[in-house]
Amino acid sequence: MEELTKAEERIMQVLWKLQKAFVKDIIDELEDEPKPPYNTISSIVRLLEKKGYVNYKAYGKTYEYFPAITKDEYAKTTFSKLFAGYFNNSPTSLLSFMVKEEKLSEKDIEEIKKIINQNSKS
């Protein structure tokens, strides 16, 4: 699966939220001010379609776009690349990083312990 640019990922976030949309709907959903040009968003959506992330239904010359993959599918692929590239597929390295960067609260750590204990009993 080809990686997305930041602009492409923003458009996918909108499509996952709306489930299906015309280009004007995507533009309306973006918080940018001023709003990006129609042609810019249309071009990004067409690139997403070529990459296999988006499908469409044609109504004459108008297209309604919808995600071809789920947000969860994208998250798994993206996380797998991040995990391999930055943490050498090591859960210990990932957790160590999160603890050192103070991204985990005591509550988070307790919940992780519960999950580990539940999975070790299975």
PDB file of N, CA and C in Angstrom:
ATOM      1  N   MET A   1       0.851  -1.169   0.000  1.00  0.00           N
ATOM      2  CA  MET A   1       0.000   0.000   0.000  1.00  0.00           C
ATOM      3  C   MET A   1       0.905   1.243   0.000  1.00  0.00           C
ATOM      4  N   GLU A   2       0.686   2.113  -0.955  1.00  0.00           N
ATOM      5  CA  GLU A   2       1.491   3.315  -1.113  1.00  0.00           C
ATOM      6  C   GLU A   2       1.198   4.310   0.013  1.00  0.00           C
ATOM      7  N   GLU A   3       2.257   4.957   0.519  1.00  0.00           N
ATOM      8  CA  GLU A   3       2.082   5.928   1.598  1.00  0.00           C
ATOM      9  C   GLU A   3       1.359   7.165   1.100  1.00  0.00           C
ATOM     10  N   LEU A   4       0.678   7.819   2.026  1.00  0.00           N
ATOM     11  CA  LEU A   4      -0.063   9.034   1.705  1.00  0.00           C
ATOM     12  C   LEU A   4       0.729  10.267   2.121  1.00  0.00           C
ATOM     13  N   THR A   5       0.550  11.336   1.355  1.00  0.00           N
ATOM     14  CA  THR A   5       1.091  12.623   1.761  1.00  0.00           C
ATOM     15  C   THR A   5       0.198  13.155   2.884  1.00  0.00           C
ATOM     16  N   LYS A   6       0.639  14.211   3.543  1.00  0.00           N
ATOM     17  CA  LYS A   6      -0.182  14.808   4.605  1.00  0.00           C
ATOM     18  C   LYS A   6      -1.505  15.324   4.053  1.00  0.00           C
ATOM     19  N   ALA A   7      -1.464  15.921   2.867  1.00  0.00           N
ATOM     20  CA  ALA A   7      -2.698  16.432   2.252  1.00  0.00           C
ATOM     21  C   ALA A   7      -3.645  15.291   1.918  1.00  0.00           C
ATOM     22  N   GLU A   8      -3.116  14.202   1.387  1.00  0.00           N
ATOM     23  CA  GLU A   8      -3.955  13.042   1.063  1.00  0.00           C
ATOM     24  C   GLU A   8      -4.567  12.440   2.324  1.00  0.00           C
ATOM     25  N   GLU A   9      -3.769  12.367   3.373  1.00  0.00           N
ATOM     26  CA  GLU A   9      -4.273  11.809   4.627  1.00  0.00           C
ATOM     27  C   GLU A   9      -5.386  12.675   5.214  1.00  0.00           C
ATOM     28  N   ARG A  10      -5.266  13.989   5.102  1.00  0.00           N
ATOM     29  CA  ARG A  10      -6.331  14.891   5.572  1.00  0.00           C
ATOM     30  C   ARG A  10      -7.633  14.635   4.828  1.00  0.00           C
ATOM     31  N   ILE A  11      -7.532  14.427   3.523  1.00  0.00           N
ATOM     32  CA  ILE A  11      -8.730  14.155   2.723  1.00  0.00           C
ATOM     33  C   ILE A  11      -9.322  12.809   3.121  1.00  0.00           C
ATOM     34  N   MET A  12      -8.475  11.815   3.362  1.00  0.00           N
ATOM     35  CA  MET A  12      -8.980  10.509   3.789  1.00  0.00           C
ATOM     36  C   MET A  12      -9.687  10.621   5.134  1.00  0.00           C
ATOM     37  N   GLN A  13      -9.154  11.425   6.048  1.00  0.00           N
ATOM     38  CA  GLN A  13      -9.811  11.611   7.347  1.00  0.00           C
ATOM     39  C   GLN A  13     -11.233  12.131   7.149  1.00  0.00           C
ATOM     40  N   VAL A  14     -11.391  13.057   6.223  1.00  0.00           N
ATOM     41  CA  VAL A  14     -12.718  13.610   5.931  1.00  0.00           C
ATOM     42  C   VAL A  14     -13.618  12.530   5.340  1.00  0.00           C
ATOM     43  N   LEU A  15     -13.095  11.759   4.395  1.00  0.00           N
ATOM     44  CA  LEU A  15     -13.915  10.714   3.769  1.00  0.00           C
ATOM     45  C   LEU A  15     -14.298   9.621   4.763  1.00  0.00           C
ATOM     46  N   TRP A  16     -13.393   9.269   5.656  1.00  0.00           N
ATOM     47  CA  TRP A  16     -13.749   8.282   6.686  1.00  0.00           C
ATOM     48  C   TRP A  16     -14.859   8.832   7.578  1.00  0.00           C
ATOM     49  N   LYS A  17     -14.787  10.100   7.870  1.00  0.00           N
ATOM     50  CA  LYS A  17     -15.810  10.725   8.715  1.00  0.00           C
ATOM     51  C   LYS A  17     -17.164  10.790   8.002  1.00  0.00           C
ATOM     52  N   LEU A  18     -17.154  11.237   6.751  1.00  0.00           N
ATOM     53  CA  LEU A  18     -18.408  11.427   6.016  1.00  0.00           C
ATOM     54  C   LEU A  18     -18.936  10.142   5.364  1.00  0.00           C
ATOM     55  N   GLN A  19     -18.072   9.167   5.156  1.00  0.00           N
ATOM     56  CA  GLN A  19     -18.397   7.891   4.506  1.00  0.00           C
ATOM     57  C   GLN A  19     -18.521   7.999   2.983  1.00  0.00           C
ATOM     58  N   LYS A  20     -19.121   9.064   2.495  1.00  0.00           N
ATOM     59  CA  LYS A  20     -19.189   9.329   1.060  1.00  0.00           C
ATOM     60  C   LYS A  20     -19.372  10.826   0.891  1.00  0.00           C
ATOM     61  N   ALA A  21     -18.787  11.359  -0.191  1.00  0.00           N
ATOM     62  CA  ALA A  21     -18.838  12.813  -0.349  1.00  0.00           C
ATOM     63  C   ALA A  21     -18.476  13.226  -1.764  1.00  0.00           C
ATOM     64  N   PHE A  22     -19.039  14.350  -2.157  1.00  0.00           N
ATOM     65  CA  PHE A  22     -18.624  15.018  -3.377  1.00  0.00           C
ATOM     66  C   PHE A  22     -17.464  15.942  -2.992  1.00  0.00           C
ATOM     67  N   VAL A  23     -16.705  16.401  -3.963  1.00  0.00           N
ATOM     68  CA  VAL A  23     -15.564  17.270  -3.671  1.00  0.00           C
ATOM     69  C   VAL A  23     -16.002  18.488  -2.861  1.00  0.00           C
ATOM     70  N   LYS A  24     -17.129  19.079  -3.199  1.00  0.00           N
ATOM     71  CA  LYS A  24     -17.595  20.265  -2.453  1.00  0.00           C
ATOM     72  C   LYS A  24     -17.861  19.938  -0.987  1.00  0.00           C
ATOM     73  N   ASP A  25     -18.332  18.711  -0.708  1.00  0.00           N
ATOM     74  CA  ASP A  25     -18.565  18.291   0.679  1.00  0.00           C
ATOM     75  C   ASP A  25     -17.249  18.185   1.446  1.00  0.00           C
ATOM     76  N   ILE A  26     -16.228  17.680   0.767  1.00  0.00           N
ATOM     77  CA  ILE A  26     -14.906  17.558   1.388  1.00  0.00           C
ATOM     78  C   ILE A  26     -14.376  18.946   1.728  1.00  0.00           C
ATOM     79  N   ILE A  27     -14.477  19.857   0.781  1.00  0.00           N
ATOM     80  CA  ILE A  27     -14.007  21.229   1.005  1.00  0.00           C
ATOM     81  C   ILE A  27     -14.751  21.865   2.177  1.00  0.00           C
ATOM     82  N   ASP A  28     -16.068  21.685   2.228  1.00  0.00           N
ATOM     83  CA  ASP A  28     -16.872  22.247   3.320  1.00  0.00           C
ATOM     84  C   ASP A  28     -16.434  21.711   4.673  1.00  0.00           C
ATOM     85  N   GLU A  29     -15.998  20.468   4.717  1.00  0.00           N
ATOM     86  CA  GLU A  29     -15.613  19.831   5.975  1.00  0.00           C
ATOM     87  C   GLU A  29     -14.227  20.285   6.464  1.00  0.00           C
ATOM     88  N   LEU A  30     -13.379  20.721   5.549  1.00  0.00           N
ATOM     89  CA  LEU A  30     -12.040  21.167   5.924  1.00  0.00           C
ATOM     90  C   LEU A  30     -12.130  22.476   6.703  1.00  0.00           C
ATOM     91  N   GLU A  31     -11.306  22.602   7.726  1.00  0.00           N
ATOM     92  CA  GLU A  31     -11.337  23.782   8.582  1.00  0.00           C
ATOM     93  C   GLU A  31     -10.472  24.915   8.051  1.00  0.00           C
ATOM     94  N   ASP A  32      -9.811  24.711   6.931  1.00  0.00           N
ATOM     95  CA  ASP A  32      -8.917  25.718   6.363  1.00  0.00           C
ATOM     96  C   ASP A  32      -9.671  26.995   6.027  1.00  0.00           C
ATOM     97  N   GLU A  33      -9.037  28.098   6.267  1.00  0.00           N
ATOM     98  CA  GLU A  33      -9.543  29.403   5.826  1.00  0.00           C
ATOM     99  C   GLU A  33      -8.384  30.158   5.221  1.00  0.00           C
ATOM    100  N   PRO A  34      -8.438  30.590   4.026  1.00  0.00           N
ATOM    101  CA  PRO A  34      -9.541  30.365   3.091  1.00  0.00           C
ATOM    102  C   PRO A  34      -9.585  28.902   2.656  1.00  0.00           C
ATOM    103  N   LYS A  35     -10.732  28.484   2.176  1.00  0.00           N
ATOM    104  CA  LYS A  35     -10.908  27.108   1.723  1.00  0.00           C
ATOM    105  C   LYS A  35      -9.989  26.848   0.521  1.00  0.00           C
ATOM    106  N   PRO A  36      -9.463  25.623   0.426  1.00  0.00           N
ATOM    107  CA  PRO A  36      -8.608  25.304  -0.726  1.00  0.00           C
ATOM    108  C   PRO A  36      -9.422  25.296  -2.024  1.00  0.00           C
ATOM    109  N   PRO A  37      -8.762  25.549  -3.146  1.00  0.00           N
ATOM    110  CA  PRO A  37      -9.476  25.542  -4.423  1.00  0.00           C
ATOM    111  C   PRO A  37     -10.068  24.169  -4.755  1.00  0.00           C
ATOM    112  N   TYR A  38     -11.202  24.192  -5.405  1.00  0.00           N
ATOM    113  CA  TYR A  38     -11.897  22.968  -5.818  1.00  0.00           C
ATOM    114  C   TYR A  38     -10.958  22.057  -6.602  1.00  0.00           C
ATOM    115  N   ASN A  39     -10.230  22.635  -7.563  1.00  0.00           N
ATOM    116  CA  ASN A  39      -9.355  21.816  -8.416  1.00  0.00           C
ATOM    117  C   ASN A  39      -8.254  21.120  -7.615  1.00  0.00           C
ATOM    118  N   THR A  40      -7.763  21.756  -6.575  1.00  0.00           N
ATOM    119  CA  THR A  40      -6.728  21.158  -5.729  1.00  0.00           C
ATOM    120  C   THR A  40      -7.270  19.915  -5.034  1.00  0.00           C
ATOM    121  N   ILE A  41      -8.428  20.033  -4.417  1.00  0.00           N
ATOM    122  CA  ILE A  41      -9.025  18.903  -3.699  1.00  0.00           C
ATOM    123  C   ILE A  41      -9.433  17.807  -4.681  1.00  0.00           C
ATOM    124  N   SER A  42      -9.964  18.197  -5.822  1.00  0.00           N
ATOM    125  CA  SER A  42     -10.342  17.231  -6.848  1.00  0.00           C
ATOM    126  C   SER A  42      -9.122  16.436  -7.311  1.00  0.00           C
ATOM    127  N   SER A  43      -7.993  17.102  -7.489  1.00  0.00           N
ATOM    128  CA  SER A  43      -6.755  16.425  -7.905  1.00  0.00           C
ATOM    129  C   SER A  43      -6.277  15.441  -6.843  1.00  0.00           C
ATOM    130  N   ILE A  44      -6.348  15.851  -5.589  1.00  0.00           N
ATOM    131  CA  ILE A  44      -5.924  14.971  -4.492  1.00  0.00           C
ATOM    132  C   ILE A  44      -6.818  13.738  -4.432  1.00  0.00           C
ATOM    133  N   VAL A  45      -8.115  13.931  -4.585  1.00  0.00           N
ATOM    134  CA  VAL A  45      -9.044  12.800  -4.541  1.00  0.00           C
ATOM    135  C   VAL A  45      -8.769  11.833  -5.699  1.00  0.00           C
ATOM    136  N   ARG A  46      -8.477  12.378  -6.865  1.00  0.00           N
ATOM    137  CA  ARG A  46      -8.163  11.510  -8.011  1.00  0.00           C
ATOM    138  C   ARG A  46      -6.869  10.729  -7.773  1.00  0.00           C
ATOM    139  N   LEU A  47      -5.885  11.356  -7.128  1.00  0.00           N
ATOM    140  CA  LEU A  47      -4.649  10.639  -6.779  1.00  0.00           C
ATOM    141  C   LEU A  47      -4.950   9.513  -5.785  1.00  0.00           C
ATOM    142  N   LEU A  48      -5.810   9.793  -4.823  1.00  0.00           N
ATOM    143  CA  LEU A  48      -6.202   8.764  -3.858  1.00  0.00           C
ATOM    144  C   LEU A  48      -6.901   7.597  -4.553  1.00  0.00           C
ATOM    145  N   GLU A  49      -7.683   7.912  -5.552  1.00  0.00           N
ATOM    146  CA  GLU A  49      -8.366   6.865  -6.319  1.00  0.00           C
ATOM    147  C   GLU A  49      -7.341   6.020  -7.071  1.00  0.00           C
ATOM    148  N   LYS A  50      -6.341   6.650  -7.664  1.00  0.00           N
ATOM    149  CA  LYS A  50      -5.283   5.914  -8.385  1.00  0.00           C
ATOM    150  C   LYS A  50      -4.465   5.041  -7.450  1.00  0.00           C
ATOM    151  N   LYS A  51      -4.272   5.511  -6.219  1.00  0.00           N
ATOM    152  CA  LYS A  51      -3.512   4.750  -5.230  1.00  0.00           C
ATOM    153  C   LYS A  51      -4.333   3.624  -4.606  1.00  0.00           C
ATOM    154  N   GLY A  52      -5.638   3.584  -4.875  1.00  0.00           N
ATOM    155  CA  GLY A  52      -6.486   2.523  -4.351  1.00  0.00           C
ATOM    156  C   GLY A  52      -7.138   2.806  -3.019  1.00  0.00           C
ATOM    157  N   TYR A  53      -7.066   4.052  -2.556  1.00  0.00           N
ATOM    158  CA  TYR A  53      -7.666   4.406  -1.271  1.00  0.00           C
ATOM    159  C   TYR A  53      -9.113   4.837  -1.390  1.00  0.00           C
ATOM    160  N   VAL A  54      -9.521   5.254  -2.583  1.00  0.00           N
ATOM    161  CA  VAL A  54     -10.847   5.823  -2.792  1.00  0.00           C
ATOM    162  C   VAL A  54     -11.496   5.191  -4.021  1.00  0.00           C
ATOM    163  N   ASN A  55     -12.786   4.975  -3.935  1.00  0.00           N
ATOM    164  CA  ASN A  55     -13.599   4.571  -5.081  1.00  0.00           C
ATOM    165  C   ASN A  55     -14.623   5.666  -5.329  1.00  0.00           C
ATOM    166  N   TYR A  56     -15.353   5.557  -6.404  1.00  0.00           N
ATOM    167  CA  TYR A  56     -16.350   6.584  -6.698  1.00  0.00           C
ATOM    168  C   TYR A  56     -17.536   5.989  -7.427  1.00  0.00           C
ATOM    169  N   LYS A  57     -18.606   6.757  -7.367  1.00  0.00           N
ATOM    170  CA  LYS A  57     -19.813   6.447  -8.127  1.00  0.00           C
ATOM    171  C   LYS A  57     -20.070   7.674  -8.998  1.00  0.00           C
ATOM    172  N   ALA A  58     -20.235   7.449 -10.285  1.00  0.00           N
ATOM    173  CA  ALA A  58     -20.423   8.558 -11.220  1.00  0.00           C
ATOM    174  C   ALA A  58     -21.903   8.870 -11.395  1.00  0.00           C
ATOM    175  N   TYR A  59     -22.200  10.148 -11.417  1.00  0.00           N
ATOM    176  CA  TYR A  59     -23.531  10.661 -11.731  1.00  0.00           C
ATOM    177  C   TYR A  59     -23.325  11.637 -12.890  1.00  0.00           C
ATOM    178  N   GLY A  60     -23.271  11.108 -14.094  1.00  0.00           N
ATOM    179  CA  GLY A  60     -22.925  11.950 -15.238  1.00  0.00           C
ATOM    180  C   GLY A  60     -21.481  12.370 -15.107  1.00  0.00           C
ATOM    181  N   LYS A  61     -21.223  13.681 -15.056  1.00  0.00           N
ATOM    182  CA  LYS A  61     -19.857  14.196 -14.913  1.00  0.00           C
ATOM    183  C   LYS A  61     -19.494  14.490 -13.458  1.00  0.00           C
ATOM    184  N   THR A  62     -20.391  14.184 -12.546  1.00  0.00           N
ATOM    185  CA  THR A  62     -20.155  14.415 -11.123  1.00  0.00           C
ATOM    186  C   THR A  62     -19.829  13.084 -10.456  1.00  0.00           C
ATOM    187  N   TYR A  63     -18.874  13.120  -9.517  1.00  0.00           N
ATOM    188  CA  TYR A  63     -18.435  11.900  -8.848  1.00  0.00           C
ATOM    189  C   TYR A  63     -18.635  12.006  -7.340  1.00  0.00           C
ATOM    190  N   GLU A  64     -19.185  10.932  -6.794  1.00  0.00           N
ATOM    191  CA  GLU A  64     -19.312  10.816  -5.340  1.00  0.00           C
ATOM    192  C   GLU A  64     -18.245   9.825  -4.891  1.00  0.00           C
ATOM    193  N   TYR A  65     -17.388  10.262  -3.990  1.00  0.00           N
ATOM    194  CA  TYR A  65     -16.250   9.460  -3.555  1.00  0.00           C
ATOM    195  C   TYR A  65     -16.526   8.804  -2.211  1.00  0.00           C
ATOM    196  N   PHE A  66     -15.913   7.635  -2.018  1.00  0.00           N
ATOM    197  CA  PHE A  66     -16.021   6.934  -0.744  1.00  0.00           C
ATOM    198  C   PHE A  66     -14.744   6.136  -0.506  1.00  0.00           C
ATOM    199  N   PRO A  67     -14.397   5.880   0.758  1.00  0.00           N
ATOM    200  CA  PRO A  67     -13.153   5.161   1.060  1.00  0.00           C
ATOM    201  C   PRO A  67     -13.181   3.727   0.528  1.00  0.00           C
ATOM    202  N   ALA A  68     -12.057   3.303  -0.036  1.00  0.00           N
ATOM    203  CA  ALA A  68     -11.913   1.927  -0.498  1.00  0.00           C
ATOM    204  C   ALA A  68     -11.311   1.050   0.595  1.00  0.00           C
ATOM    205  N   ILE A  69     -10.698   1.686   1.600  1.00  0.00           N
ATOM    206  CA  ILE A  69     -10.163   0.953   2.746  1.00  0.00           C
ATOM    207  C   ILE A  69     -10.682   1.623   4.012  1.00  0.00           C
ATOM    208  N   THR A  70     -10.721   0.865   5.093  1.00  0.00           N
ATOM    209  CA  THR A  70     -11.188   1.425   6.354  1.00  0.00           C
ATOM    210  C   THR A  70     -10.061   2.182   7.044  1.00  0.00           C
ATOM    211  N   LYS A  71     -10.457   3.016   7.967  1.00  0.00           N
ATOM    212  CA  LYS A  71      -9.476   3.754   8.763  1.00  0.00           C
ATOM    213  C   LYS A  71      -8.611   2.781   9.560  1.00  0.00           C
ATOM    214  N   ASP A  72      -9.214   1.707  10.060  1.00  0.00           N
ATOM    215  CA  ASP A  72      -8.460   0.701  10.815  1.00  0.00           C
ATOM    216  C   ASP A  72      -7.421   0.012   9.945  1.00  0.00           C
ATOM    217  N   GLU A  73      -7.776  -0.311   8.700  1.00  0.00           N
ATOM    218  CA  GLU A  73      -6.821  -0.942   7.789  1.00  0.00           C
ATOM    219  C   GLU A  73      -5.622  -0.017   7.550  1.00  0.00           C
ATOM    220  N   TYR A  74      -5.916   1.253   7.341  1.00  0.00           N
ATOM    221  CA  TYR A  74      -4.845   2.217   7.120  1.00  0.00           C
ATOM    222  C   TYR A  74      -3.985   2.357   8.375  1.00  0.00           C
ATOM    223  N   ALA A  75      -4.626   2.427   9.530  1.00  0.00           N
ATOM    224  CA  ALA A  75      -3.889   2.576  10.789  1.00  0.00           C
ATOM    225  C   ALA A  75      -2.952   1.385  11.015  1.00  0.00           C
ATOM    226  N   LYS A  76      -3.425   0.180  10.747  1.00  0.00           N
ATOM    227  CA  LYS A  76      -2.584  -1.012  10.933  1.00  0.00           C
ATOM    228  C   LYS A  76      -1.359  -0.964  10.034  1.00  0.00           C
ATOM    229  N   THR A  77      -1.555  -0.629   8.776  1.00  0.00           N
ATOM    230  CA  THR A  77      -0.440  -0.567   7.825  1.00  0.00           C
ATOM    231  C   THR A  77       0.548   0.526   8.218  1.00  0.00           C
ATOM    232  N   THR A  78       0.028   1.698   8.539  1.00  0.00           N
ATOM    233  CA  THR A  78       0.882   2.825   8.898  1.00  0.00           C
ATOM    234  C   THR A  78       1.641   2.537  10.184  1.00  0.00           C
ATOM    235  N   PHE A  79       0.945   1.975  11.170  1.00  0.00           N
ATOM    236  CA  PHE A  79       1.614   1.669  12.428  1.00  0.00           C
ATOM    237  C   PHE A  79       2.678   0.594  12.240  1.00  0.00           C
ATOM    238  N   SER A  80       2.390  -0.404  11.419  1.00  0.00           N
ATOM    239  CA  SER A  80       3.375  -1.466  11.170  1.00  0.00           C
ATOM    240  C   SER A  80       4.670  -0.889  10.603  1.00  0.00           C
ATOM    241  N   LYS A  81       4.551   0.051   9.675  1.00  0.00           N
ATOM    242  CA  LYS A  81       5.742   0.687   9.095  1.00  0.00           C
ATOM    243  C   LYS A  81       6.486   1.510  10.148  1.00  0.00           C
ATOM    244  N   LEU A  82       5.748   2.264  10.944  1.00  0.00           N
ATOM    245  CA  LEU A  82       6.343   3.066  12.010  1.00  0.00           C
ATOM    246  C   LEU A  82       7.037   2.165  13.034  1.00  0.00           C
ATOM    247  N   PHE A  83       6.358   1.123  13.428  1.00  0.00           N
ATOM    248  CA  PHE A  83       6.860   0.182  14.429  1.00  0.00           C
ATOM    249  C   PHE A  83       8.149  -0.471  13.946  1.00  0.00           C
ATOM    250  N   ALA A  84       8.169  -0.906  12.689  1.00  0.00           N
ATOM    251  CA  ALA A  84       9.358  -1.546  12.136  1.00  0.00           C
ATOM    252  C   ALA A  84      10.488  -0.533  11.952  1.00  0.00           C
ATOM    253  N   GLY A  85      10.147   0.639  11.411  1.00  0.00           N
ATOM    254  CA  GLY A  85      11.166   1.617  11.078  1.00  0.00           C
ATOM    255  C   GLY A  85      11.814   2.314  12.262  1.00  0.00           C
ATOM    256  N   TYR A  86      11.036   2.582  13.302  1.00  0.00           N
ATOM    257  CA  TYR A  86      11.553   3.348  14.428  1.00  0.00           C
ATOM    258  C   TYR A  86      11.816   2.526  15.683  1.00  0.00           C
ATOM    259  N   PHE A  87      11.172   1.365  15.788  1.00  0.00           N
ATOM    260  CA  PHE A  87      11.296   0.571  17.014  1.00  0.00           C
ATOM    261  C   PHE A  87      11.760  -0.865  16.744  1.00  0.00           C
ATOM    262  N   ASN A  88      12.216  -1.141  15.521  1.00  0.00           N
ATOM    263  CA  ASN A  88      12.738  -2.463  15.148  1.00  0.00           C
ATOM    264  C   ASN A  88      11.793  -3.603  15.540  1.00  0.00           C
ATOM    265  N   ASN A  89      10.498  -3.356  15.414  1.00  0.00           N
ATOM    266  CA  ASN A  89       9.471  -4.341  15.753  1.00  0.00           C
ATOM    267  C   ASN A  89       9.564  -4.820  17.196  1.00  0.00           C
ATOM    268  N   SER A  90      10.060  -3.960  18.067  1.00  0.00           N
ATOM    269  CA  SER A  90      10.244  -4.314  19.474  1.00  0.00           C
ATOM    270  C   SER A  90       9.209  -3.604  20.346  1.00  0.00           C
ATOM    271  N   PRO A  91       8.250  -4.368  20.903  1.00  0.00           N
ATOM    272  CA  PRO A  91       7.289  -3.750  21.822  1.00  0.00           C
ATOM    273  C   PRO A  91       7.979  -3.085  23.013  1.00  0.00           C
ATOM    274  N   THR A  92       9.071  -3.672  23.473  1.00  0.00           N
ATOM    275  CA  THR A  92       9.805  -3.108  24.602  1.00  0.00           C
ATOM    276  C   THR A  92      10.345  -1.728  24.246  1.00  0.00           C
ATOM    277  N   SER A  93      10.888  -1.596  23.039  1.00  0.00           N
ATOM    278  CA  SER A  93      11.406  -0.290  22.602  1.00  0.00           C
ATOM    279  C   SER A  93      10.285   0.734  22.511  1.00  0.00           C
ATOM    280  N   LEU A  94       9.148   0.320  21.988  1.00  0.00           N
ATOM    281  CA  LEU A  94       8.004   1.225  21.867  1.00  0.00           C
ATOM    282  C   LEU A  94       7.526   1.690  23.242  1.00  0.00           C
ATOM    283  N   LEU A  95       7.306   0.757  24.145  1.00  0.00           N
ATOM    284  CA  LEU A  95       6.829   1.121  25.485  1.00  0.00           C
ATOM    285  C   LEU A  95       7.859   1.950  26.242  1.00  0.00           C
ATOM    286  N   SER A  96       9.126   1.593  26.089  1.00  0.00           N
ATOM    287  CA  SER A  96      10.190   2.355  26.744  1.00  0.00           C
ATOM    288  C   SER A  96      10.188   3.797  26.249  1.00  0.00           C
ATOM    289  N   PHE A  97      10.029   3.978  24.954  1.00  0.00           N
ATOM    290  CA  PHE A  97       9.960   5.315  24.375  1.00  0.00           C
ATOM    291  C   PHE A  97       8.777   6.083  24.956  1.00  0.00           C
ATOM    292  N   MET A  98       7.619   5.445  25.011  1.00  0.00           N
ATOM    293  CA  MET A  98       6.419   6.113  25.499  1.00  0.00           C
ATOM    294  C   MET A  98       6.557   6.499  26.971  1.00  0.00           C
ATOM    295  N   VAL A  99       7.146   5.625  27.769  1.00  0.00           N
ATOM    296  CA  VAL A  99       7.331   5.927  29.189  1.00  0.00           C
ATOM    297  C   VAL A  99       8.337   7.061  29.355  1.00  0.00           C
ATOM    298  N   LYS A 100       9.451   6.994  28.640  1.00  0.00           N
ATOM    299  CA  LYS A 100      10.486   8.026  28.758  1.00  0.00           C
ATOM    300  C   LYS A 100       9.987   9.387  28.299  1.00  0.00           C
ATOM    301  N   GLU A 101       9.135   9.399  27.305  1.00  0.00           N
ATOM    302  CA  GLU A 101       8.601  10.658  26.792  1.00  0.00           C
ATOM    303  C   GLU A 101       7.369  11.115  27.583  1.00  0.00           C
ATOM    304  N   GLU A 102       7.056  10.368  28.652  1.00  0.00           N
ATOM    305  CA  GLU A 102       5.937  10.677  29.538  1.00  0.00           C
ATOM    306  C   GLU A 102       4.600  10.708  28.800  1.00  0.00           C
ATOM    307  N   LYS A 103       4.458   9.802  27.855  1.00  0.00           N
ATOM    308  CA  LYS A 103       3.208   9.692  27.107  1.00  0.00           C
ATOM    309  C   LYS A 103       2.240   8.714  27.777  1.00  0.00           C
ATOM    310  N   LEU A 104       2.724   8.001  28.788  1.00  0.00           N
ATOM    311  CA  LEU A 104       1.876   7.048  29.499  1.00  0.00           C
ATOM    312  C   LEU A 104       1.668   7.516  30.934  1.00  0.00           C
ATOM    313  N   SER A 105       0.425   7.592  31.323  1.00  0.00           N
ATOM    314  CA  SER A 105       0.114   7.921  32.714  1.00  0.00           C
ATOM    315  C   SER A 105       0.147   6.632  33.536  1.00  0.00           C
ATOM    316  N   GLU A 106       0.069   6.775  34.836  1.00  0.00           N
ATOM    317  CA  GLU A 106       0.000   5.599  35.706  1.00  0.00           C
ATOM    318  C   GLU A 106      -1.219   4.745  35.351  1.00  0.00           C
ATOM    319  N   LYS A 107      -2.328   5.428  35.051  1.00  0.00           N
ATOM    320  CA  LYS A 107      -3.548   4.724  34.656  1.00  0.00           C
ATOM    321  C   LYS A 107      -3.312   3.925  33.372  1.00  0.00           C
ATOM    322  N   ASP A 108      -2.630   4.535  32.396  1.00  0.00           N
ATOM    323  CA  ASP A 108      -2.313   3.836  31.146  1.00  0.00           C
ATOM    324  C   ASP A 108      -1.478   2.585  31.425  1.00  0.00           C
ATOM    325  N   ILE A 109      -0.484   2.736  32.283  1.00  0.00           N
ATOM    326  CA  ILE A 109       0.400   1.609  32.605  1.00  0.00           C
ATOM    327  C   ILE A 109      -0.385   0.482  33.269  1.00  0.00           C
ATOM    328  N   GLU A 110      -1.284   0.824  34.170  1.00  0.00           N
ATOM    329  CA  GLU A 110      -2.108  -0.197  34.820  1.00  0.00           C
ATOM    330  C   GLU A 110      -3.003  -0.915  33.802  1.00  0.00           C
ATOM    331  N   GLU A 111      -3.560  -0.165  32.875  1.00  0.00           N
ATOM    332  CA  GLU A 111      -4.405  -0.778  31.847  1.00  0.00           C
ATOM    333  C   GLU A 111      -3.591  -1.710  30.952  1.00  0.00           C
ATOM    334  N   ILE A 112      -2.375  -1.310  30.627  1.00  0.00           N
ATOM    335  CA  ILE A 112      -1.499  -2.158  29.815  1.00  0.00           C
ATOM    336  C   ILE A 112      -1.178  -3.443  30.568  1.00  0.00           C
ATOM    337  N   LYS A 113      -0.900  -3.321  31.852  1.00  0.00           N
ATOM    338  CA  LYS A 113      -0.630  -4.512  32.676  1.00  0.00           C
ATOM    339  C   LYS A 113      -1.827  -5.469  32.646  1.00  0.00           C
ATOM    340  N   LYS A 114      -3.043  -4.927  32.757  1.00  0.00           N
ATOM    341  CA  LYS A 114      -4.246  -5.763  32.712  1.00  0.00           C
ATOM    342  C   LYS A 114      -4.364  -6.486  31.369  1.00  0.00           C
ATOM    343  N   ILE A 115      -4.116  -5.760  30.297  1.00  0.00           N
ATOM    344  CA  ILE A 115      -4.188  -6.362  28.962  1.00  0.00           C
ATOM    345  C   ILE A 115      -3.163  -7.479  28.822  1.00  0.00           C
ATOM    346  N   ILE A 116      -1.944  -7.241  29.298  1.00  0.00           N
ATOM    347  CA  ILE A 116      -0.893  -8.264  29.230  1.00  0.00           C
ATOM    348  C   ILE A 116      -1.296  -9.477  30.046  1.00  0.00           C
ATOM    349  N   ASN A 117      -1.804  -9.247  31.246  1.00  0.00           N
ATOM    350  CA  ASN A 117      -2.221 -10.366  32.101  1.00  0.00           C
ATOM    351  C   ASN A 117      -3.374 -11.154  31.464  1.00  0.00           C
ATOM    352  N   GLN A 118      -4.322 -10.478  30.872  1.00  0.00           N
ATOM    353  CA  GLN A 118      -5.445 -11.156  30.209  1.00  0.00           C
ATOM    354  C   GLN A 118      -4.958 -11.982  29.025  1.00  0.00           C
ATOM    355  N   ASN A 119      -4.050 -11.433  28.245  1.00  0.00           N
ATOM    356  CA  ASN A 119      -3.542 -12.154  27.079  1.00  0.00           C
ATOM    357  C   ASN A 119      -2.634 -13.311  27.453  1.00  0.00           C
ATOM    358  N   SER A 120      -1.923 -13.210  28.568  1.00  0.00           N
ATOM    359  CA  SER A 120      -1.056 -14.299  28.985  1.00  0.00           C
ATOM    360  C   SER A 120      -1.857 -15.468  29.541  1.00  0.00           C
ATOM    361  N   LYS A 121      -3.105 -15.205  29.991  1.00  0.00           N
ATOM    362  CA  LYS A 121      -3.976 -16.272  30.491  1.00  0.00           C
ATOM    363  C   LYS A 121      -4.661 -17.007  29.361  1.00  0.00           C
ATOM    364  N   SER A 122      -4.747 -16.395  28.187  1.00  0.00           N
ATOM    365  CA  SER A 122      -5.469 -16.996  27.050  1.00  0.00           C
ATOM    366  C   SER A 122      -4.696 -18.132  26.431  1.00  0.00           C
TER     367      SER A 122
END
